Amino acid sequence: MTPRPEAAPRAPLSRDRVLSAAVELADGIGIEALSMRRLAQELGVVPMALYKHVANKEQLLDGMVEAVVSEIDPPARGSDWQGAVRRRILSARAALLGHPWAAQVIRSRSGPTPAVLAYLDSVIGMLRAGGLSVDLTHHAMHALGGRVLGFTQEVFDAAPDPDPAAPAAMPAEAAAAYPHVAELAMAAAHDGDSVVGGGCDDQFEFEFALDLLLDGFERLRRQGWSSGARRAGDGLIA
């Protein structure tokens, strides 16, 4: 009788393996459907085995954020601070787009996780190394907001998904009442997967706004801008 080949030993459970499986599972079924029980089933273990590596669901979510942020490319070296910051932020955007639930979870945390703090610290350091003052860097980070991590709240986020069967043009009555909205709606380049109502090219719009911000920061840096002078009435940009 031919002996039955032994099954390959299962990889031992570890925190990294738990988090990797959780990220993959959330990518597949969505963050709302993720549970410790469902994750345990995916790993082929009893739920209690998970608690040796993550104390609870909140700690699991924190760890998942850390795993996603670890996918962001490290800072680029060089003297072009705008290009370096741009590449870092676009890498963050790519990481978050690869895990559609990640932005929601990051926003849900009571405070930044260590990996998010390290990422923010690196971006701040890049702005400072580029010659921005502490004051200007402070306001630059406010201006970037969630964009620094690659996501943004669009003005029409709350709009319902467009009906594919609906006519492309606004109804004549609405177009007459809101002529400038109608003009832009008809002129926009459309992207069916866009978060912006009828659809614009999200990546282009993200990069467009990011470039405007970075160019503005550089212009203010060259001017020696300070918030104190702004509050004194000297204006924002000359």
Protein backbone atom coordinates (compact mmCIF):
# COMPACT_ATOMS: atom_id res chain seq x y z
CA MET A 1 0.00 0.00 0.00
CA THR A 2 1.43 3.35 -1.04
CA PRO A 3 1.73 5.67 1.96
CA ARG A 4 -0.43 8.80 1.75
CA PRO A 5 1.70 11.95 1.37
CA GLU A 6 1.66 14.13 4.43
CA ALA A 7 -0.11 17.49 4.12
CA ALA A 8 2.17 20.49 4.09
CA PRO A 9 2.34 22.02 7.55
CA ARG A 10 0.19 25.11 7.96
CA ALA A 11 2.10 28.36 8.43
CA PRO A 12 2.03 29.32 12.10
CA LEU A 13 -0.33 32.12 13.00
CA SER A 14 1.37 35.48 13.54
CA ARG A 15 0.29 39.09 13.80
CA ASP A 16 1.54 39.78 10.26
CA ARG A 17 -0.38 36.79 8.88
CA VAL A 18 -3.56 37.87 10.69
CA LEU A 19 -3.32 41.43 9.37
CA SER A 20 -2.47 40.33 5.84
CA ALA A 21 -5.48 37.99 5.81
CA ALA A 22 -7.71 40.73 7.25
CA VAL A 23 -6.67 43.21 4.56
CA GLU A 24 -7.24 40.65 1.80
CA LEU A 25 -10.61 39.68 3.26
CA ALA A 26 -11.76 43.30 3.57
CA ASP A 27 -10.69 43.89 -0.04
CA GLY A 28 -12.93 41.00 -1.06
CA ILE A 29 -16.04 41.32 1.11
CA GLY A 30 -15.91 44.92 2.35
CA ILE A 31 -15.03 46.32 5.75
CA GLU A 32 -18.61 46.13 7.04
CA ALA A 33 -18.70 42.35 6.59
CA LEU A 34 -15.33 41.79 8.27
CA SER A 35 -15.54 40.19 11.71
CA MET A 36 -13.19 38.29 13.97
CA ARG A 37 -15.25 35.13 13.39
CA ARG A 38 -15.17 35.52 9.62
CA LEU A 39 -11.42 36.17 9.70
CA ALA A 40 -10.85 33.09 11.87
CA GLN A 41 -12.77 30.99 9.34
CA GLU A 42 -10.61 32.39 6.56
CA LEU A 43 -7.45 31.43 8.46
CA GLY A 44 -8.82 28.03 9.49
CA VAL A 45 -8.50 28.71 13.22
CA VAL A 46 -10.86 29.22 16.14
CA PRO A 47 -11.66 32.89 16.89
CA MET A 48 -9.84 32.76 20.22
CA ALA A 49 -6.58 32.10 18.39
CA LEU A 50 -6.77 35.59 16.88
CA TYR A 51 -6.83 37.29 20.26
CA LYS A 52 -3.25 36.22 20.92
CA HIS A 53 -2.24 38.63 18.15
CA VAL A 54 -4.92 41.37 18.19
CA ALA A 55 -6.80 42.16 21.37
CA ASN A 56 -10.08 43.14 19.70
CA LYS A 57 -11.68 44.38 16.46
CA GLU A 58 -10.42 47.95 16.99
CA GLN A 59 -6.84 46.76 17.34
CA LEU A 60 -7.32 44.68 14.21
CA LEU A 61 -8.48 47.76 12.29
CA ASP A 62 -5.51 49.76 13.59
CA GLY A 63 -3.19 47.03 12.37
CA MET A 64 -4.88 46.92 8.98
CA VAL A 65 -4.29 50.67 8.61
CA GLU A 66 -0.64 50.10 9.47
CA ALA A 67 -0.42 47.38 6.81
CA VAL A 68 -1.89 49.62 4.10
CA VAL A 69 0.28 52.62 5.02
CA SER A 70 3.35 50.38 4.82
CA GLU A 71 2.63 50.06 1.06
CA ILE A 72 3.38 53.77 0.51
CA ASP A 73 6.71 54.31 -1.22
CA PRO A 74 9.47 55.78 0.98
CA PRO A 75 10.39 59.45 0.52
CA ALA A 76 12.42 60.22 -2.58
CA ARG A 77 15.80 61.88 -2.15
CA GLY A 78 16.73 65.08 -3.95
CA SER A 79 16.37 68.83 -3.84
CA ASP A 80 13.02 69.05 -5.67
CA TRP A 81 10.77 69.20 -2.63
CA GLN A 82 7.59 69.71 -4.67
CA GLY A 83 8.25 66.67 -6.83
CA ALA A 84 9.18 64.57 -3.80
CA VAL A 85 6.04 65.53 -1.86
CA ARG A 86 3.91 65.01 -4.96
CA ARG A 87 5.27 61.50 -5.51
CA ARG A 88 4.81 60.60 -1.85
CA ILE A 89 1.18 61.75 -1.80
CA LEU A 90 0.36 60.04 -5.10
CA SER A 91 1.89 56.83 -3.74
CA ALA A 92 -0.39 57.16 -0.70
CA ARG A 93 -3.34 57.64 -3.02
CA ALA A 94 -2.41 54.50 -4.98
CA ALA A 95 -2.16 52.50 -1.75
CA LEU A 96 -5.57 53.65 -0.53
CA LEU A 97 -7.24 53.15 -3.91
CA GLY A 98 -5.95 49.58 -3.80
CA HIS A 99 -7.95 49.07 -0.61
CA PRO A 100 -11.25 50.98 -1.01
CA TRP A 101 -12.16 50.57 2.67
CA ALA A 102 -8.91 52.08 3.99
CA ALA A 103 -9.85 55.77 3.86
CA GLN A 104 -13.04 55.07 5.80
CA VAL A 105 -11.15 53.17 8.48
CA ILE A 106 -8.43 55.82 8.77
CA ARG A 107 -11.10 58.48 9.30
CA SER A 108 -12.81 56.29 11.91
CA ARG A 109 -9.76 55.98 14.18
CA SER A 110 -9.81 58.03 17.40
CA GLY A 111 -6.29 59.21 16.55
CA PRO A 112 -3.55 58.54 13.98
CA THR A 113 -1.86 55.15 14.22
CA PRO A 114 1.95 55.08 14.55
CA ALA A 115 2.39 54.36 10.82
CA VAL A 116 0.12 57.28 9.87
CA LEU A 117 2.01 59.54 12.28
CA ALA A 118 5.31 58.43 10.77
CA TYR A 119 3.98 59.15 7.29
CA LEU A 120 2.71 62.61 8.28
CA ASP A 121 6.00 63.31 10.04
CA SER A 122 7.89 62.47 6.84
CA VAL A 123 5.70 64.78 4.72
CA ILE A 124 6.14 67.61 7.23
CA GLY A 125 9.88 66.97 7.18
CA MET A 126 9.92 67.18 3.39
CA LEU A 127 8.11 70.54 3.48
CA ARG A 128 10.54 71.86 6.09
CA ALA A 129 13.55 70.56 4.12
CA GLY A 130 12.15 72.39 1.09
CA GLY A 131 12.49 75.67 2.95
CA LEU A 132 8.94 76.19 4.21
CA SER A 133 8.80 77.81 7.62
CA VAL A 134 7.09 76.06 10.53
CA ASP A 135 4.28 78.61 10.17
CA LEU A 136 3.78 78.00 6.44
CA THR A 137 4.11 74.22 6.90
CA HIS A 138 1.39 74.34 9.56
CA HIS A 139 -1.03 76.04 7.16
CA ALA A 140 0.09 73.90 4.22
CA MET A 141 -0.88 70.75 6.12
CA HIS A 142 -4.28 72.29 6.87
CA ALA A 143 -4.72 73.12 3.19
CA LEU A 144 -3.77 69.60 2.11
CA GLY A 145 -6.09 68.01 4.67
CA GLY A 146 -7.04 64.45 3.79
CA ARG A 147 -5.38 64.96 0.40
CA VAL A 148 -2.03 64.34 2.10
CA LEU A 149 -3.12 60.69 2.43
CA GLY A 150 -4.52 60.55 -1.07
CA PHE A 151 -8.22 61.07 -0.50
CA THR A 152 -10.45 64.10 -0.61
CA GLN A 153 -14.05 65.12 -0.02
CA GLU A 154 -15.52 66.17 -3.33
CA VAL A 155 -18.20 68.84 -3.53
CA PHE A 156 -20.67 66.41 -5.10
CA ASP A 157 -19.85 63.29 -3.04
CA ALA A 158 -23.42 63.10 -1.78
CA ALA A 159 -24.96 63.08 -5.27
CA PRO A 160 -26.68 59.82 -6.27
CA ASP A 161 -25.13 57.60 -8.92
CA PRO A 162 -26.15 58.75 -12.36
CA ASP A 163 -28.77 56.71 -14.17
CA PRO A 164 -27.13 55.24 -17.28
CA ALA A 165 -30.46 55.53 -19.09
CA ALA A 166 -30.87 59.21 -18.25
CA PRO A 167 -30.07 61.82 -20.90
CA ALA A 168 -26.56 63.28 -20.70
CA ALA A 169 -27.80 66.86 -20.66
CA MET A 170 -29.51 68.53 -17.72
CA PRO A 171 -33.25 69.12 -18.18
CA ALA A 172 -33.84 72.43 -19.93
CA GLU A 173 -35.59 73.92 -16.90
CA ALA A 174 -32.73 73.05 -14.55
CA ALA A 175 -30.13 74.22 -17.07
CA ALA A 176 -31.92 77.58 -17.31
CA ALA A 177 -32.06 77.93 -13.54
CA TYR A 178 -28.43 76.90 -12.98
CA PRO A 179 -26.63 77.89 -16.21
CA HIS A 180 -23.08 77.78 -14.86
CA VAL A 181 -23.54 74.30 -13.34
CA ALA A 182 -25.00 73.13 -16.65
CA GLU A 183 -22.09 74.63 -18.59
CA LEU A 184 -19.51 72.80 -16.47
CA ALA A 185 -21.48 69.56 -16.46
CA MET A 186 -21.54 69.48 -20.25
CA ALA A 187 -17.89 70.48 -20.62
CA ALA A 188 -16.40 68.00 -18.10
CA ALA A 189 -14.45 64.94 -19.19
CA HIS A 190 -16.37 61.94 -17.89
CA ASP A 191 -15.19 58.92 -15.93
CA GLY A 192 -17.84 56.32 -15.09
CA ASP A 193 -16.13 55.31 -11.83
CA SER A 194 -15.69 58.86 -10.59
CA VAL A 195 -16.84 59.92 -7.14
CA VAL A 196 -17.94 63.24 -8.59
CA GLY A 197 -21.59 62.96 -9.55
CA GLY A 198 -21.85 62.64 -13.32
CA GLY A 199 -18.17 61.86 -13.46
CA CYS A 200 -14.87 63.64 -13.91
CA ASP A 201 -11.43 62.10 -14.14
CA ASP A 202 -10.75 61.69 -10.42
CA GLN A 203 -7.02 61.13 -10.74
CA PHE A 204 -6.60 64.17 -12.96
CA GLU A 205 -8.68 66.34 -10.62
CA PHE A 206 -6.71 65.11 -7.61
CA GLU A 207 -3.37 65.88 -9.25
CA PHE A 208 -4.62 69.22 -10.57
CA ALA A 209 -5.58 70.40 -7.07
CA LEU A 210 -2.41 68.95 -5.53
CA ASP A 211 -0.22 70.79 -8.05
CA LEU A 212 -2.06 74.06 -7.40
CA LEU A 213 -1.45 73.67 -3.68
CA LEU A 214 2.23 72.78 -4.02
CA ASP A 215 2.83 75.65 -6.45
CA GLY A 216 1.06 77.99 -4.05
CA PHE A 217 3.17 76.83 -1.10
CA GLU A 218 6.35 77.44 -3.11
CA ARG A 219 5.20 80.91 -4.10
CA LEU A 220 4.47 81.79 -0.49
CA ARG A 221 7.83 80.37 0.58
CA ARG A 222 9.63 82.62 -1.89
CA GLN A 223 7.66 85.61 -0.60
CA GLY A 224 8.63 84.87 2.99
CA TRP A 225 4.91 84.67 3.84
CA SER A 226 3.79 84.42 7.45
CA SER A 227 0.36 84.06 9.00
CA GLY A 228 1.16 87.01 11.26
CA ALA A 229 1.50 89.31 8.26
CA ARG A 230 -1.67 87.85 6.76
CA ARG A 231 -3.65 88.59 9.92
CA ALA A 232 -2.22 92.11 9.95
CA GLY A 233 -3.89 92.67 6.59
CA ASP A 234 -0.94 92.31 4.23
CA GLY A 235 -2.82 89.76 2.14
CA LEU A 236 -2.30 86.14 1.31
CA ILE A 237 -0.57 86.27 -2.08
CA ALA A 238 0.87 89.40 -3.66
